[in-house]
Amino acid sequence: MKKTILPILCLFFFAKSIAQSNKDIANVYIKRAWEKYNNIENKEESLIDFNKAITYLDTIEDLDIAKLGAYIHFKVGDFEKSKNYAEQYFTINGDNKTEEYVEFVELYVNINEEIEAAEAARLAEEKRLEEERLLKEKEIRRIEYLTQTWTDKSRALSLKVDSVYSFNKNNLAIYTKGENFGILNDKGVVIVKADKYKDFISYDGFIILKDKKEEPTKIYCFDSKKKQGFLLPNIAGFNTLSTNYGQIMLPRGNGMLVAYPNNSSKPVVYDLNSKEIVKTAIDEEFLKELKKNDILDKYNKGGEVKINKEWYGLGTHLGGGIFSLDFDKNLRVHSYFCSIDGKVLSVTEDYQFIGPFYNDKFQAIKEDKIYWIDQRGVEVDAAKDEFVTYKGKSKVVKLEEGTYQIMQNDVIILGDEKLETLPDYIKKYSN
């Protein structure tokens, strides 16, 4: 029994010694803390020593420590801790009649007021942040609504086509949908629907649409100057043996169009302005003059001419003094006669097809390549399309495959409808 009590007593005195030692150390730091607190320049630094002191204490039983804890934490703005120390002060101090006690009650009131003010500020900030969040959500919903509205309008002002070619001088362009070609203007209004024509030719303000790329049977002409369109007559009206228009040359600025129908020894010349086939009248006086100038060997009343000892059927006048020639009643053009000097251009060796005459030039085709020649069949510089340059403001914008829009000065247009860009639209409806 004695052996058991002795170790317990030793442990008790050891613990008491340690506790006394810790209290002494804490008192040193408390003293330092008071000194710094009473020094205006070091007032806030006193918290460091105070916290060190607390680490050596299990509980606060000293009124001086509780008071200092309340003062220091009030000074640094930690009002919750200041209140805790103040309440410990009131618990320890049973004498509420002293001047210090009354002073401390005033501090306690100040602490509570600061806590209430901080809470009020916190609630006000929470309210402000909530209002800000609601405003942001409202703004997001507004922008989402305007964006969706704009998207719907934008979609309605889109062209569902596969491609759009360049606009010409008269503000028209070819467009495609599937395998078909059509015409629209620079406001996106469809002039000719792309639902039946498989190929086109465009030159000098005329747009020719064909129902087939090769051997077309239907030809539609649109005059972009007059903004009028019409179908050419059935080719059988020109030649009962012909079933298609064959090779069609470029239309020229004077309105002349030349085609080479199948089963025909003569090309057809069509006046796109008067909408009539131009017939070639054989003027005997003209032939007589050619013979007199040794350009022709002979001619007869049957419309035949002898050139370089060969008899030909004098065919269609293409303008500029060039005629087609047929030979031995074959159902195709044999050659071309330049009446200005008597030169014969062979279909097999020179040019297979020659177009109408305009501005001193003919379009000619040799082995699928385009050339330009003069009245003597001599190659010259290429003619210039008089209506190729567009001077308007429209720009075609591809949104995705099969969807286009027309823009003018950053405004989407379709006919008379207009729509600003999305940023401008949102800005417009923000007021």
Protein backbone atom coordinates (compact mmCIF):
# COMPACT_ATOMS: atom_id res chain seq x y z
CA MET A 1 0.00 0.00 0.00
CA LYS A 2 2.83 2.36 0.93
CA LYS A 3 4.52 1.47 -2.32
CA THR A 4 1.41 2.57 -4.29
CA ILE A 5 0.87 5.91 -2.50
CA LEU A 6 4.41 7.10 -2.97
CA PRO A 7 4.37 7.19 -6.80
CA ILE A 8 0.97 8.89 -6.77
CA LEU A 9 2.23 11.59 -4.46
CA CYS A 10 5.30 12.09 -6.63
CA LEU A 11 3.13 12.43 -9.71
CA PHE A 12 0.83 14.90 -7.95
CA PHE A 13 3.66 17.15 -6.83
CA PHE A 14 5.25 16.93 -10.28
CA ALA A 15 2.01 17.96 -12.00
CA LYS A 16 1.50 20.76 -9.51
CA SER A 17 5.02 21.94 -10.20
CA ILE A 18 4.43 21.91 -13.96
CA ALA A 19 1.12 23.79 -13.59
CA GLN A 20 2.80 26.39 -11.41
CA SER A 21 5.60 26.73 -13.96
CA ASN A 22 3.10 27.21 -16.86
CA LYS A 23 1.20 29.81 -14.89
CA ASP A 24 4.39 31.72 -14.24
CA ILE A 25 5.26 31.70 -17.95
CA ALA A 26 1.74 32.83 -18.82
CA ASN A 27 2.02 35.69 -16.36
CA VAL A 28 5.21 36.86 -18.07
CA TYR A 29 3.45 37.01 -21.43
CA ILE A 30 0.39 38.69 -19.87
CA LYS A 31 2.65 41.35 -18.38
CA ARG A 32 4.23 41.97 -21.76
CA ALA A 33 0.83 42.08 -23.40
CA TRP A 34 -0.40 44.75 -20.95
CA GLU A 35 2.71 46.81 -21.54
CA LYS A 36 2.26 46.73 -25.30
CA TYR A 37 -1.46 47.34 -25.02
CA ASN A 38 -0.84 50.45 -22.92
CA ASN A 39 1.66 51.63 -25.54
CA ILE A 40 -0.26 53.30 -28.37
CA GLU A 41 2.31 52.30 -30.99
CA ASN A 42 2.37 48.61 -29.96
CA LYS A 43 -1.28 48.23 -29.03
CA GLU A 44 -2.13 45.69 -31.74
CA GLU A 45 1.08 43.71 -31.18
CA SER A 46 -0.06 42.88 -27.66
CA LEU A 47 -2.32 40.17 -29.14
CA ILE A 48 0.75 38.06 -30.02
CA ASP A 49 1.96 37.92 -26.42
CA PHE A 50 -1.59 37.38 -25.15
CA ASN A 51 -2.07 34.35 -27.41
CA LYS A 52 1.23 32.91 -26.23
CA ALA A 53 0.06 33.30 -22.66
CA ILE A 54 -3.18 31.46 -23.36
CA THR A 55 -1.28 28.43 -24.66
CA TYR A 56 0.10 27.90 -21.15
CA LEU A 57 -3.29 28.07 -19.43
CA ASP A 58 -5.99 25.39 -19.29
CA THR A 59 -8.65 27.78 -17.99
CA ILE A 60 -8.91 31.49 -17.37
CA GLU A 61 -9.46 32.18 -13.73
CA ASP A 62 -7.68 35.52 -13.51
CA LEU A 63 -9.85 38.62 -13.85
CA ASP A 64 -6.93 40.56 -15.29
CA ILE A 65 -6.48 38.06 -18.14
CA ALA A 66 -10.19 38.07 -19.05
CA LYS A 67 -10.23 41.87 -19.02
CA LEU A 68 -7.12 42.08 -21.23
CA GLY A 69 -8.53 39.49 -23.65
CA ALA A 70 -11.72 41.55 -24.01
CA TYR A 71 -9.82 44.82 -24.61
CA ILE A 72 -7.27 43.41 -27.07
CA HIS A 73 -9.80 41.59 -29.24
CA PHE A 74 -12.08 44.61 -29.26
CA LYS A 75 -9.13 46.68 -30.46
CA VAL A 76 -8.32 44.32 -33.35
CA GLY A 77 -11.99 44.01 -34.33
CA ASP A 78 -12.56 40.38 -33.26
CA PHE A 79 -15.78 41.22 -31.44
CA GLU A 80 -17.00 37.65 -30.93
CA LYS A 81 -13.83 36.70 -28.99
CA SER A 82 -13.94 40.03 -27.19
CA LYS A 83 -17.46 39.19 -26.04
CA ASN A 84 -16.37 35.73 -24.84
CA TYR A 85 -13.61 37.22 -22.70
CA ALA A 86 -15.97 39.90 -21.40
CA GLU A 87 -18.47 37.24 -20.34
CA GLN A 88 -15.65 35.36 -18.59
CA TYR A 89 -14.79 38.61 -16.84
CA PHE A 90 -18.36 38.93 -15.54
CA THR A 91 -18.33 35.28 -14.43
CA ILE A 92 -15.11 35.72 -12.46
CA ASN A 93 -15.89 39.16 -11.06
CA GLY A 94 -18.62 38.96 -8.44
CA ASP A 95 -18.34 42.62 -7.45
CA ASN A 96 -20.52 44.74 -9.71
CA LYS A 97 -20.16 47.93 -7.67
CA THR A 98 -16.70 48.97 -8.78
CA GLU A 99 -15.94 51.68 -11.31
CA GLU A 100 -14.04 49.12 -13.40
CA TYR A 101 -17.13 46.91 -13.55
CA VAL A 102 -19.29 49.82 -14.76
CA GLU A 103 -16.64 50.67 -17.34
CA PHE A 104 -16.56 47.07 -18.47
CA VAL A 105 -20.35 46.98 -18.85
CA GLU A 106 -20.00 49.93 -21.24
CA LEU A 107 -17.36 47.98 -23.17
CA TYR A 108 -19.72 45.01 -23.30
CA VAL A 109 -22.47 47.24 -24.71
CA ASN A 110 -20.05 48.53 -27.34
CA ILE A 111 -19.06 44.98 -28.21
CA ASN A 112 -22.69 43.98 -28.74
CA GLU A 113 -23.34 47.06 -30.85
CA GLU A 114 -20.34 46.22 -33.03
CA ILE A 115 -21.53 42.62 -33.39
CA GLU A 116 -25.03 43.83 -34.30
CA ALA A 117 -23.58 46.32 -36.78
CA ALA A 118 -21.40 43.61 -38.31
CA GLU A 119 -24.41 41.30 -38.54
CA ALA A 120 -26.48 44.06 -40.12
CA ALA A 121 -23.66 44.72 -42.59
CA ARG A 122 -23.42 40.99 -43.33
CA LEU A 123 -27.15 40.75 -43.95
CA ALA A 124 -27.06 43.89 -46.10
CA GLU A 125 -24.20 42.42 -48.14
CA GLU A 126 -26.04 39.12 -48.51
CA LYS A 127 -29.10 41.05 -49.67
CA ARG A 128 -26.99 43.06 -52.11
CA LEU A 129 -25.35 39.92 -53.49
CA GLU A 130 -28.74 38.20 -53.80
CA GLU A 131 -30.21 41.20 -55.63
CA GLU A 132 -27.12 41.26 -57.84
CA ARG A 133 -27.53 37.54 -58.53
CA LEU A 134 -31.20 38.00 -59.39
CA LEU A 135 -30.36 40.90 -61.69
CA LYS A 136 -27.68 38.81 -63.41
CA GLU A 137 -30.12 35.92 -63.82
CA LYS A 138 -32.70 38.31 -65.20
CA GLU A 139 -30.12 39.76 -67.59
CA ILE A 140 -29.05 36.27 -68.66
CA ARG A 141 -32.68 35.30 -69.30
CA ARG A 142 -33.21 38.54 -71.22
CA ILE A 143 -30.14 37.95 -73.37
CA GLU A 144 -31.14 34.31 -73.90
CA TYR A 145 -34.62 35.42 -74.96
CA LEU A 146 -33.27 38.11 -77.31
CA THR A 147 -30.69 35.66 -78.70
CA GLN A 148 -33.38 33.07 -79.39
CA THR A 149 -35.66 35.71 -80.94
CA TRP A 150 -32.79 36.94 -83.11
CA THR A 151 -31.87 33.37 -84.07
CA ASP A 152 -35.44 32.66 -85.17
CA LYS A 153 -35.55 35.87 -87.22
CA SER A 154 -32.12 35.20 -88.66
CA ARG A 155 -33.17 31.69 -89.67
CA ALA A 156 -36.25 33.12 -91.37
CA LEU A 157 -34.01 35.49 -93.36
CA SER A 158 -31.71 32.71 -94.57
CA LEU A 159 -31.50 31.24 -98.06
CA LYS A 160 -31.73 27.47 -98.19
CA VAL A 161 -29.58 27.00 -101.28
CA ASP A 162 -26.42 25.09 -102.14
CA SER A 163 -24.42 27.95 -103.66
CA VAL A 164 -24.70 31.55 -104.82
CA TYR A 165 -22.61 32.93 -107.69
CA SER A 166 -21.39 36.54 -107.94
CA PHE A 167 -23.92 39.30 -108.57
CA ASN A 168 -23.73 41.06 -111.92
CA LYS A 169 -24.03 44.75 -112.75
CA ASN A 170 -27.82 44.46 -112.67
CA ASN A 171 -27.82 43.00 -109.13
CA LEU A 172 -28.65 39.44 -110.17
CA ALA A 173 -26.89 36.17 -109.46
CA ILE A 174 -27.21 32.50 -110.32
CA TYR A 175 -27.89 30.17 -107.42
CA THR A 176 -28.08 26.39 -107.18
CA LYS A 177 -30.24 24.00 -105.26
CA GLY A 178 -29.47 20.37 -105.81
CA GLU A 179 -28.65 19.94 -109.50
CA ASN A 180 -30.78 22.90 -110.58
CA PHE A 181 -29.95 26.51 -111.35
CA GLY A 182 -32.06 29.58 -110.65
CA ILE A 183 -31.79 33.38 -110.42
CA LEU A 184 -32.08 35.67 -107.41
CA ASN A 185 -31.43 39.36 -106.81
CA ASP A 186 -29.04 40.99 -104.34
CA LYS A 187 -31.79 41.17 -101.72
CA GLY A 188 -32.22 37.40 -101.81
CA VAL A 189 -35.52 37.46 -103.70
CA VAL A 190 -35.83 34.48 -106.04
CA ILE A 191 -36.53 35.60 -109.61
CA VAL A 192 -36.41 32.18 -111.25
CA LYS A 193 -36.83 29.15 -109.02
CA ALA A 194 -34.12 26.50 -109.22
CA ASP A 195 -36.32 23.51 -109.98
CA LYS A 196 -35.88 22.58 -113.64
CA TYR A 197 -32.80 24.07 -115.32
CA LYS A 198 -29.55 22.07 -115.17
CA ASP A 199 -27.08 24.52 -116.71
CA PHE A 200 -26.64 28.21 -117.47
CA ILE A 201 -24.74 30.73 -119.57
CA SER A 202 -24.42 34.34 -118.47
CA TYR A 203 -22.91 37.17 -120.51
CA ASP A 204 -23.48 40.85 -121.33
CA GLY A 205 -26.54 41.08 -119.08
CA PHE A 206 -28.36 38.02 -120.43
CA ILE A 207 -28.75 34.83 -118.42
CA ILE A 208 -29.52 31.67 -120.37
CA LEU A 209 -30.91 28.70 -118.44
CA LYS A 210 -30.93 25.25 -120.06
CA ASP A 211 -32.92 22.16 -119.14
CA LYS A 212 -29.87 20.01 -119.95
CA LYS A 213 -26.15 20.65 -119.93
CA GLU A 214 -25.80 18.85 -123.24
CA GLU A 215 -28.37 18.91 -126.05
CA PRO A 216 -30.89 21.17 -124.26
CA THR A 217 -34.48 21.19 -125.49
CA LYS A 218 -35.77 24.09 -123.34
CA ILE A 219 -34.06 27.46 -123.17
CA TYR A 220 -35.08 30.23 -120.79
CA CYS A 221 -33.62 33.70 -121.23
CA PHE A 222 -33.65 36.37 -118.54
CA ASP A 223 -32.74 39.92 -119.58
CA SER A 224 -31.17 41.39 -116.44
CA LYS A 225 -31.38 44.91 -117.89
CA LYS A 226 -35.13 44.77 -118.43
CA LYS A 227 -35.74 42.35 -115.54
CA GLN A 228 -37.78 40.18 -117.89
CA GLY A 229 -37.61 36.51 -118.77
CA PHE A 230 -39.09 34.27 -121.45
CA LEU A 231 -38.82 30.84 -123.03
CA LEU A 232 -37.29 30.51 -126.46
CA PRO A 233 -39.53 28.78 -129.01
CA ASN A 234 -39.33 25.06 -129.66
CA ILE A 235 -36.34 24.37 -131.88
CA ALA A 236 -38.53 22.38 -134.24
CA GLY A 237 -40.02 25.70 -135.32
CA PHE A 238 -36.68 26.54 -136.85
CA ASN A 239 -35.89 23.11 -138.26
CA THR A 240 -38.38 20.24 -138.15
CA LEU A 241 -35.53 17.71 -138.03
CA SER A 242 -33.94 19.26 -134.94
CA THR A 243 -34.78 17.88 -131.50
CA ASN A 244 -32.45 20.03 -129.36
CA TYR A 245 -30.58 23.33 -129.44
CA GLY A 246 -27.18 21.65 -129.44
CA GLN A 247 -24.29 24.04 -128.75
CA ILE A 248 -25.37 27.46 -127.46
CA MET A 249 -22.93 30.35 -127.73
CA LEU A 250 -22.60 33.31 -125.39
CA PRO A 251 -25.36 35.91 -125.74
CA ARG A 252 -23.91 39.29 -126.72
CA GLY A 253 -24.65 42.87 -125.78
CA ASN A 254 -26.69 43.47 -128.95
CA GLY A 255 -29.11 40.74 -127.89
CA MET A 256 -27.99 38.17 -130.46
CA LEU A 257 -27.82 34.51 -129.48
CA VAL A 258 -26.48 31.74 -131.75
CA ALA A 259 -27.25 28.03 -131.30
CA TYR A 260 -26.26 24.97 -133.31
CA PRO A 261 -29.23 22.56 -133.33
CA ASN A 262 -28.76 18.89 -134.14
CA ASN A 263 -29.67 17.64 -137.63
CA SER A 264 -29.20 21.12 -139.08
CA SER A 265 -26.73 22.44 -141.60
CA LYS A 266 -27.37 25.98 -140.34
CA PRO A 267 -27.03 27.60 -136.94
CA VAL A 268 -29.98 29.58 -135.61
CA VAL A 269 -29.65 33.25 -134.70
CA TYR A 270 -32.18 34.50 -132.16
CA ASP A 271 -32.75 38.16 -131.30
CA LEU A 272 -33.32 38.22 -127.54
CA ASN A 273 -34.56 41.80 -127.68
CA SER A 274 -37.28 41.30 -130.27
CA LYS A 275 -37.80 37.63 -129.36
CA GLU A 276 -37.58 36.57 -132.99
CA ILE A 277 -35.47 34.24 -135.08
CA VAL A 278 -33.23 36.26 -137.37
CA LYS A 279 -33.54 34.96 -140.91
CA THR A 280 -30.72 35.32 -143.39
CA ALA A 281 -31.86 36.91 -146.64
CA ILE A 282 -29.56 36.24 -149.62
CA ASP A 283 -29.00 39.59 -151.28
CA GLU A 284 -28.12 39.06 -154.93
CA GLU A 285 -26.48 42.47 -155.14
CA PHE A 286 -24.27 41.53 -152.22
CA LEU A 287 -23.26 38.27 -153.92
CA LYS A 288 -22.64 40.10 -157.17
CA GLU A 289 -20.31 42.49 -155.36
CA LEU A 290 -18.41 39.60 -153.79
CA LYS A 291 -17.98 37.95 -157.19
CA LYS A 292 -16.85 41.24 -158.71
CA ASN A 293 -14.16 41.48 -156.02
CA ASP A 294 -13.04 37.89 -156.65
CA ILE A 295 -14.12 36.82 -153.19
CA LEU A 296 -16.60 34.37 -154.75
CA ASP A 297 -16.00 32.27 -157.85
CA LYS A 298 -19.69 31.95 -158.64
CA TYR A 299 -23.16 31.93 -157.06
CA ASN A 300 -26.60 30.80 -158.15
CA LYS A 301 -30.18 31.60 -157.33
CA GLY A 302 -30.46 28.49 -155.14
CA GLY A 303 -28.32 30.15 -152.50
CA GLU A 304 -25.17 28.29 -153.38
CA VAL A 305 -21.75 29.86 -153.71
CA LYS A 306 -18.56 28.59 -155.29
CA ILE A 307 -15.42 29.29 -153.29
CA ASN A 308 -12.01 27.95 -154.26
CA LYS A 309 -13.63 25.69 -156.86
CA GLU A 310 -16.04 24.12 -154.31
CA TRP A 311 -19.80 24.67 -154.18
CA TYR A 312 -21.34 25.35 -150.75
CA GLY A 313 -24.75 26.16 -149.46
CA LEU A 314 -24.62 29.69 -148.06
CA GLY A 315 -26.12 29.38 -144.63
CA THR A 316 -26.78 31.68 -141.67
CA HIS A 317 -25.29 35.14 -141.39
CA LEU A 318 -23.72 35.40 -137.91
CA GLY A 319 -23.10 39.14 -138.33
CA GLY A 320 -19.95 40.97 -139.30
CA GLY A 321 -19.91 39.31 -142.71
CA ILE A 322 -19.31 35.74 -141.51
CA PHE A 323 -21.70 33.08 -142.87
CA SER A 324 -22.03 29.39 -142.13
CA LEU A 325 -21.48 27.04 -145.06
CA ASP A 326 -22.95 23.61 -145.63
CA PHE A 327 -21.54 21.08 -148.03
CA ASP A 328 -23.13 18.33 -150.07
CA LYS A 329 -26.42 18.76 -148.19
CA ASN A 330 -25.01 17.24 -144.99
CA LEU A 331 -27.08 17.98 -141.86
CA ARG A 332 -24.31 19.89 -140.11
CA VAL A 333 -22.26 23.03 -140.53
CA HIS A 334 -19.28 22.38 -142.76
CA SER A 335 -17.33 25.63 -142.46
CA TYR A 336 -17.54 29.42 -142.15
CA PHE A 337 -17.14 32.03 -144.87
CA CYS A 338 -15.49 35.38 -144.07
CA SER A 339 -17.05 37.53 -146.78
CA ILE A 340 -14.73 40.43 -146.02
CA ASP A 341 -11.76 38.61 -147.61
CA GLY A 342 -13.06 35.24 -148.82
CA LYS A 343 -11.35 33.17 -146.14
CA VAL A 344 -12.99 29.83 -145.27
CA LEU A 345 -12.71 28.56 -141.68
CA SER A 346 -12.97 24.79 -141.50
CA VAL A 347 -15.00 23.16 -138.73
CA THR A 348 -12.50 20.33 -138.51
CA GLU A 349 -9.33 22.43 -138.62
CA ASP A 350 -10.28 25.85 -137.32
CA TYR A 351 -13.41 26.40 -135.20
CA GLN A 352 -16.35 24.10 -134.59
CA PHE A 353 -18.67 26.90 -133.51
CA ILE A 354 -18.78 30.68 -133.96
CA GLY A 355 -21.09 33.01 -132.03
CA PRO A 356 -22.78 36.29 -132.95
CA PHE A 357 -20.86 39.42 -133.96
CA TYR A 358 -20.66 42.32 -131.50
CA ASN A 359 -18.07 45.00 -130.78
CA ASP A 360 -15.86 43.73 -133.62
CA LYS A 361 -15.53 40.25 -132.11
CA PHE A 362 -16.94 36.75 -132.38
CA GLN A 363 -16.77 34.04 -129.75
CA ALA A 364 -15.36 30.86 -131.29
CA ILE A 365 -14.98 27.35 -129.89
CA LYS A 366 -12.29 24.90 -130.87
CA GLU A 367 -12.01 21.58 -129.07
CA ASP A 368 -14.04 22.91 -126.12
CA LYS A 369 -11.77 25.94 -125.68
CA ILE A 370 -13.03 29.49 -126.15
CA TYR A 371 -11.29 31.90 -128.52
CA TRP A 372 -12.17 35.34 -129.82
CA ILE A 373 -11.76 36.24 -133.50
CA ASP A 374 -12.36 39.22 -135.80
CA GLN A 375 -14.18 39.36 -139.14
CA ARG A 376 -11.24 37.73 -140.90
CA GLY A 377 -11.08 34.81 -138.45
CA VAL A 378 -7.94 36.13 -136.81
CA GLU A 379 -7.62 35.63 -133.06
CA VAL A 380 -7.90 38.80 -130.96
CA ASP A 381 -8.03 39.71 -127.26
CA ALA A 382 -10.94 38.31 -125.32
CA ALA A 383 -14.10 40.37 -125.11
CA LYS A 384 -15.11 41.80 -121.75
CA ASP A 385 -18.47 41.07 -120.19
CA GLU A 386 -20.13 44.48 -119.96
CA PHE A 387 -22.25 43.46 -116.97
CA VAL A 388 -19.88 41.38 -114.87
CA THR A 389 -18.95 44.09 -112.35
CA TYR A 390 -21.29 44.38 -109.37
CA LYS A 391 -21.48 47.81 -107.74
CA GLY A 392 -24.01 47.09 -105.01
CA LYS A 393 -23.54 46.57 -101.27
CA SER A 394 -24.73 42.99 -100.84
CA LYS A 395 -22.38 40.29 -99.64
CA VAL A 396 -23.24 36.61 -99.61
CA VAL A 397 -22.31 34.91 -96.33
CA LYS A 398 -22.23 31.14 -95.98
CA LEU A 399 -23.53 30.08 -92.54
CA GLU A 400 -23.27 26.37 -93.08
CA GLU A 401 -23.67 23.85 -95.87
CA GLY A 402 -26.91 24.70 -97.67
CA THR A 403 -27.58 27.93 -95.75
CA TYR A 404 -26.64 31.45 -96.85
CA GLN A 405 -27.50 35.00 -95.88
CA ILE A 406 -27.18 38.31 -97.68
CA MET A 407 -25.59 41.17 -95.74
CA GLN A 408 -25.64 44.89 -96.48
CA ASN A 409 -23.56 47.10 -94.18
CA ASP A 410 -23.65 44.47 -91.41
CA VAL A 411 -27.43 44.09 -91.73
CA ILE A 412 -29.05 40.81 -92.78
CA ILE A 413 -31.61 41.34 -95.55
CA LEU A 414 -34.13 39.26 -97.41
CA GLY A 415 -36.42 41.21 -99.67
CA ASP A 416 -37.77 44.13 -97.61
CA GLU A 417 -36.96 42.42 -94.30
CA LYS A 418 -33.88 43.51 -92.35
CA LEU A 419 -32.13 42.31 -89.20
CA GLU A 420 -29.17 43.75 -87.31
CA THR A 421 -26.31 41.56 -86.15
CA LEU A 422 -26.87 39.86 -82.78
CA PRO A 423 -24.76 42.35 -80.72
CA ASP A 424 -26.57 45.31 -82.31
CA TYR A 425 -29.94 43.60 -81.82
CA ILE A 426 -29.28 43.01 -78.10
CA LYS A 427 -27.99 46.57 -77.71
CA LYS A 428 -31.06 47.94 -79.48
CA TYR A 429 -33.45 46.21 -77.09
CA SER A 430 -31.40 46.98 -73.99
CA ASN A 431 -32.88 50.47 -73.79
